[in-house]
Amino acid sequence: AQGIYIAIVSTKMEGADADKEVTPGLALLGNIAQRFTMVATTYEPVSDGSTDKCYISSSFDATSHFEGDVDDLLSLYKRVTGKDLDMNINADSVEADY
């Protein structure tokens, strides 16, 4: 519908009141037709896995574009393999259906 938008306001909570935490972001949106609030507990590993070989990722972060999650997975890959993930792909060496 014209003039209708979907917006995400998220944060890592520093207090106990979720509504108070997101109020500054909600104020930027103006009139809100419908709102959903969700609070999720997040976790982080207590070690990097180098001593016990138990590699654990962090919980998904609050961003809508998964930037922190991608960084976490790249870090996890490096901790497990000892090297950076090579994301360079030579298009000439990849078969594709055209």
N, C-alpha and C. Protein backbone atom coordinates (compact mmCIF):
# COMPACT_ATOMS: atom_id res chain seq x y z
N ALA A 1 0.84 -1.18 0.00
CA ALA A 1 0.00 0.00 0.00
C ALA A 1 0.89 1.24 0.00
N GLN A 2 0.52 2.19 -0.77
CA GLN A 2 1.30 3.41 -0.88
C GLN A 2 1.29 4.16 0.45
N GLY A 3 2.46 4.64 0.85
CA GLY A 3 2.59 5.38 2.10
C GLY A 3 2.71 4.51 3.33
N ILE A 4 2.74 3.19 3.16
CA ILE A 4 2.90 2.25 4.27
C ILE A 4 4.29 1.64 4.19
N TYR A 5 4.99 1.63 5.31
CA TYR A 5 6.35 1.11 5.35
C TYR A 5 6.49 0.12 6.49
N ILE A 6 7.47 -0.76 6.37
CA ILE A 6 7.83 -1.67 7.46
C ILE A 6 9.17 -1.20 7.98
N ALA A 7 9.26 -1.04 9.29
CA ALA A 7 10.50 -0.58 9.91
C ALA A 7 10.87 -1.51 11.06
N ILE A 8 12.16 -1.63 11.31
CA ILE A 8 12.67 -2.42 12.43
C ILE A 8 13.46 -1.49 13.33
N VAL A 9 13.13 -1.50 14.61
CA VAL A 9 13.89 -0.76 15.61
C VAL A 9 14.40 -1.80 16.60
N SER A 10 15.72 -1.90 16.76
CA SER A 10 16.26 -2.91 17.65
C SER A 10 17.42 -2.34 18.45
N THR A 11 17.70 -2.99 19.56
CA THR A 11 18.79 -2.56 20.42
C THR A 11 19.21 -3.70 21.32
N LYS A 12 20.38 -3.57 21.90
CA LYS A 12 20.78 -4.45 22.99
C LYS A 12 20.33 -3.76 24.27
N MET A 13 19.52 -4.42 25.05
CA MET A 13 18.95 -3.80 26.24
C MET A 13 20.02 -3.55 27.30
N GLU A 14 19.95 -2.37 27.88
CA GLU A 14 20.85 -2.02 28.98
C GLU A 14 20.08 -1.96 30.29
N GLY A 15 18.76 -1.92 30.21
CA GLY A 15 17.91 -1.87 31.40
C GLY A 15 16.87 -2.97 31.34
N ALA A 16 15.82 -2.83 32.15
CA ALA A 16 14.79 -3.86 32.23
C ALA A 16 13.53 -3.52 31.44
N ASP A 17 13.43 -2.31 30.90
CA ASP A 17 12.21 -1.87 30.23
C ASP A 17 12.43 -1.79 28.72
N ALA A 18 11.96 -2.81 28.00
CA ALA A 18 12.17 -2.88 26.55
C ALA A 18 11.56 -1.68 25.82
N ASP A 19 10.36 -1.26 26.23
CA ASP A 19 9.71 -0.13 25.57
C ASP A 19 10.52 1.15 25.73
N LYS A 20 11.08 1.36 26.90
CA LYS A 20 11.90 2.56 27.14
C LYS A 20 13.18 2.52 26.30
N GLU A 21 13.73 1.34 26.11
CA GLU A 21 14.98 1.19 25.35
C GLU A 21 14.81 1.62 23.88
N VAL A 22 13.67 1.32 23.29
CA VAL A 22 13.48 1.61 21.87
C VAL A 22 12.71 2.90 21.59
N THR A 23 12.30 3.61 22.62
CA THR A 23 11.53 4.84 22.45
C THR A 23 12.20 5.86 21.52
N PRO A 24 13.50 6.12 21.65
CA PRO A 24 14.12 7.10 20.73
C PRO A 24 13.99 6.70 19.25
N GLY A 25 14.14 5.41 18.96
CA GLY A 25 14.01 4.94 17.58
C GLY A 25 12.58 5.01 17.09
N LEU A 26 11.64 4.65 17.95
CA LEU A 26 10.23 4.70 17.58
C LEU A 26 9.77 6.13 17.32
N ALA A 27 10.33 7.08 18.06
CA ALA A 27 9.96 8.49 17.90
C ALA A 27 10.31 8.99 16.49
N LEU A 28 11.31 8.43 15.86
CA LEU A 28 11.70 8.83 14.51
C LEU A 28 10.70 8.36 13.46
N LEU A 29 9.91 7.36 13.79
CA LEU A 29 9.01 6.77 12.81
C LEU A 29 7.71 7.53 12.62
N GLY A 30 7.30 8.30 13.59
CA GLY A 30 6.01 8.99 13.48
C GLY A 30 4.88 8.06 13.84
N ASN A 31 3.76 8.16 13.12
CA ASN A 31 2.59 7.35 13.41
C ASN A 31 2.86 5.88 13.11
N ILE A 32 2.58 5.01 14.06
CA ILE A 32 2.80 3.57 13.91
C ILE A 32 1.45 2.87 13.88
N ALA A 33 1.13 2.18 12.79
CA ALA A 33 -0.15 1.50 12.63
C ALA A 33 -0.22 0.23 13.47
N GLN A 34 0.86 -0.52 13.48
CA GLN A 34 0.89 -1.76 14.25
C GLN A 34 2.31 -2.03 14.71
N ARG A 35 2.45 -2.51 15.93
CA ARG A 35 3.78 -2.68 16.51
C ARG A 35 3.86 -4.04 17.21
N PHE A 36 5.01 -4.68 17.05
CA PHE A 36 5.28 -5.95 17.71
C PHE A 36 6.55 -5.77 18.53
N THR A 37 6.55 -6.24 19.75
CA THR A 37 7.74 -6.16 20.60
C THR A 37 8.17 -7.57 20.96
N MET A 38 9.47 -7.83 20.82
CA MET A 38 10.03 -9.12 21.19
C MET A 38 11.34 -8.89 21.92
N VAL A 39 11.53 -9.57 23.02
CA VAL A 39 12.79 -9.52 23.76
C VAL A 39 13.39 -10.92 23.71
N ALA A 40 14.65 -11.02 23.31
CA ALA A 40 15.31 -12.32 23.21
C ALA A 40 16.60 -12.29 24.02
N THR A 41 16.84 -13.34 24.76
CA THR A 41 18.09 -13.49 25.49
C THR A 41 19.16 -13.94 24.50
N THR A 42 20.32 -13.33 24.55
CA THR A 42 21.41 -13.71 23.66
C THR A 42 22.55 -14.31 24.48
N TYR A 43 23.36 -15.11 23.82
CA TYR A 43 24.46 -15.81 24.49
C TYR A 43 25.75 -15.64 23.70
N GLU A 44 26.86 -15.72 24.40
CA GLU A 44 28.18 -15.69 23.78
C GLU A 44 29.00 -16.82 24.38
N PRO A 45 29.91 -17.39 23.60
CA PRO A 45 30.74 -18.47 24.16
C PRO A 45 31.67 -17.92 25.25
N VAL A 46 32.03 -18.76 26.21
CA VAL A 46 32.90 -18.32 27.30
C VAL A 46 34.38 -18.45 26.93
N SER A 47 34.67 -19.16 25.83
CA SER A 47 36.06 -19.26 25.37
C SER A 47 36.07 -19.37 23.85
N ASP A 48 37.25 -19.23 23.25
CA ASP A 48 37.35 -19.25 21.79
C ASP A 48 37.50 -20.65 21.21
N GLY A 49 37.57 -21.66 22.06
CA GLY A 49 37.67 -23.04 21.59
C GLY A 49 39.08 -23.52 21.36
N SER A 50 40.08 -22.67 21.54
CA SER A 50 41.46 -23.07 21.24
C SER A 50 41.98 -24.15 22.20
N THR A 51 41.51 -24.16 23.42
CA THR A 51 42.03 -25.16 24.37
C THR A 51 41.22 -26.45 24.38
N ASP A 52 39.90 -26.36 24.27
CA ASP A 52 39.07 -27.57 24.36
C ASP A 52 38.51 -28.03 23.02
N LYS A 53 38.81 -27.28 21.94
CA LYS A 53 38.33 -27.60 20.58
C LYS A 53 36.81 -27.65 20.51
N CYS A 54 36.15 -26.91 21.36
CA CYS A 54 34.69 -26.78 21.34
C CYS A 54 34.37 -25.38 20.84
N TYR A 55 34.01 -25.27 19.57
CA TYR A 55 33.80 -23.98 18.92
C TYR A 55 32.31 -23.65 18.91
N ILE A 56 31.96 -22.55 19.53
CA ILE A 56 30.56 -22.17 19.68
C ILE A 56 30.37 -20.76 19.14
N SER A 57 29.31 -20.57 18.37
CA SER A 57 29.00 -19.23 17.85
C SER A 57 28.16 -18.47 18.87
N SER A 58 28.07 -17.16 18.65
CA SER A 58 27.22 -16.32 19.50
C SER A 58 25.78 -16.40 19.00
N SER A 59 24.84 -15.91 19.81
CA SER A 59 23.45 -15.81 19.38
C SER A 59 23.35 -14.79 18.25
N PHE A 60 22.28 -14.88 17.46
CA PHE A 60 22.04 -13.87 16.43
C PHE A 60 21.95 -12.50 17.08
N ASP A 61 22.44 -11.49 16.37
CA ASP A 61 22.44 -10.14 16.93
C ASP A 61 21.15 -9.39 16.57
N ALA A 62 21.07 -8.15 17.01
CA ALA A 62 19.84 -7.37 16.86
C ALA A 62 19.74 -6.66 15.51
N THR A 63 20.73 -6.78 14.66
CA THR A 63 20.66 -6.07 13.38
C THR A 63 19.75 -6.79 12.40
N SER A 64 19.20 -6.06 11.48
CA SER A 64 18.30 -6.64 10.48
C SER A 64 19.07 -7.17 9.27
N HIS A 65 20.34 -6.85 9.16
CA HIS A 65 21.12 -7.24 7.99
C HIS A 65 22.18 -8.29 8.32
N PHE A 66 22.20 -8.81 9.54
CA PHE A 66 23.05 -9.94 9.95
C PHE A 66 24.55 -9.67 9.87
N GLU A 67 24.96 -8.41 9.88
CA GLU A 67 26.38 -8.09 9.77
C GLU A 67 27.19 -8.72 10.90
N GLY A 68 26.72 -8.59 12.12
CA GLY A 68 27.42 -9.17 13.26
C GLY A 68 27.47 -10.68 13.20
N ASP A 69 26.40 -11.28 12.69
CA ASP A 69 26.35 -12.74 12.57
C ASP A 69 27.37 -13.24 11.56
N VAL A 70 27.50 -12.53 10.45
CA VAL A 70 28.47 -12.91 9.43
C VAL A 70 29.89 -12.80 10.01
N ASP A 71 30.18 -11.72 10.71
CA ASP A 71 31.49 -11.56 11.35
C ASP A 71 31.76 -12.70 12.33
N ASP A 72 30.73 -13.08 13.09
CA ASP A 72 30.88 -14.16 14.06
C ASP A 72 31.18 -15.49 13.35
N LEU A 73 30.48 -15.76 12.24
CA LEU A 73 30.71 -17.01 11.52
C LEU A 73 32.08 -17.03 10.85
N LEU A 74 32.52 -15.89 10.33
CA LEU A 74 33.86 -15.84 9.75
C LEU A 74 34.92 -16.07 10.82
N SER A 75 34.70 -15.51 12.01
CA SER A 75 35.61 -15.74 13.14
C SER A 75 35.60 -17.21 13.54
N LEU A 76 34.43 -17.81 13.58
CA LEU A 76 34.30 -19.22 13.93
C LEU A 76 35.05 -20.09 12.92
N TYR A 77 34.90 -19.79 11.65
CA TYR A 77 35.60 -20.54 10.60
C TYR A 77 37.12 -20.46 10.81
N LYS A 78 37.61 -19.26 11.09
CA LYS A 78 39.05 -19.08 11.29
C LYS A 78 39.54 -19.82 12.54
N ARG A 79 38.74 -19.79 13.61
CA ARG A 79 39.15 -20.50 14.83
C ARG A 79 39.21 -22.00 14.61
N VAL A 80 38.30 -22.53 13.81
CA VAL A 80 38.27 -23.97 13.55
C VAL A 80 39.38 -24.39 12.59
N THR A 81 39.54 -23.64 11.48
CA THR A 81 40.47 -24.05 10.43
C THR A 81 41.86 -23.43 10.57
N GLY A 82 41.96 -22.31 11.30
CA GLY A 82 43.23 -21.62 11.41
C GLY A 82 43.52 -20.67 10.27
N LYS A 83 42.58 -20.51 9.34
CA LYS A 83 42.79 -19.58 8.22
C LYS A 83 41.50 -18.85 7.89
N ASP A 84 41.65 -17.70 7.23
CA ASP A 84 40.49 -16.91 6.81
C ASP A 84 39.75 -17.64 5.70
N LEU A 85 38.44 -17.47 5.66
CA LEU A 85 37.63 -18.04 4.59
C LEU A 85 37.87 -17.24 3.32
N ASP A 86 38.25 -17.93 2.25
CA ASP A 86 38.49 -17.28 0.97
C ASP A 86 37.16 -17.16 0.23
N MET A 87 36.67 -15.93 0.12
CA MET A 87 35.39 -15.69 -0.53
C MET A 87 35.55 -15.26 -1.98
N ASN A 88 36.79 -15.31 -2.49
CA ASN A 88 37.03 -14.94 -3.89
C ASN A 88 36.68 -16.12 -4.78
N ILE A 89 35.79 -15.90 -5.72
CA ILE A 89 35.35 -16.95 -6.63
C ILE A 89 35.68 -16.51 -8.06
N ASN A 90 36.36 -17.36 -8.77
CA ASN A 90 36.66 -17.10 -10.17
C ASN A 90 35.46 -17.55 -10.98
N ALA A 91 34.77 -16.62 -11.60
CA ALA A 91 33.55 -16.93 -12.35
C ALA A 91 33.82 -17.91 -13.48
N ASP A 92 35.03 -17.93 -14.04
CA ASP A 92 35.35 -18.84 -15.12
C ASP A 92 35.45 -20.28 -14.66
N SER A 93 35.67 -20.50 -13.36
CA SER A 93 35.83 -21.85 -12.87
C SER A 93 34.54 -22.43 -12.26
N VAL A 94 33.45 -21.68 -12.37
CA VAL A 94 32.18 -22.10 -11.79
C VAL A 94 31.21 -22.45 -12.89
N GLU A 95 30.65 -23.66 -12.82
CA GLU A 95 29.63 -24.03 -13.80
C GLU A 95 28.31 -23.41 -13.41
N ALA A 96 27.58 -22.98 -14.40
CA ALA A 96 26.28 -22.37 -14.12
C ALA A 96 25.30 -22.71 -15.22
N ASP A 97 24.04 -22.66 -14.87
CA ASP A 97 22.97 -22.83 -15.86
C ASP A 97 22.59 -21.46 -16.39
N TYR A 98 22.89 -21.23 -17.64
CA TYR A 98 22.55 -19.96 -18.26
C TYR A 98 21.40 -20.13 -19.19
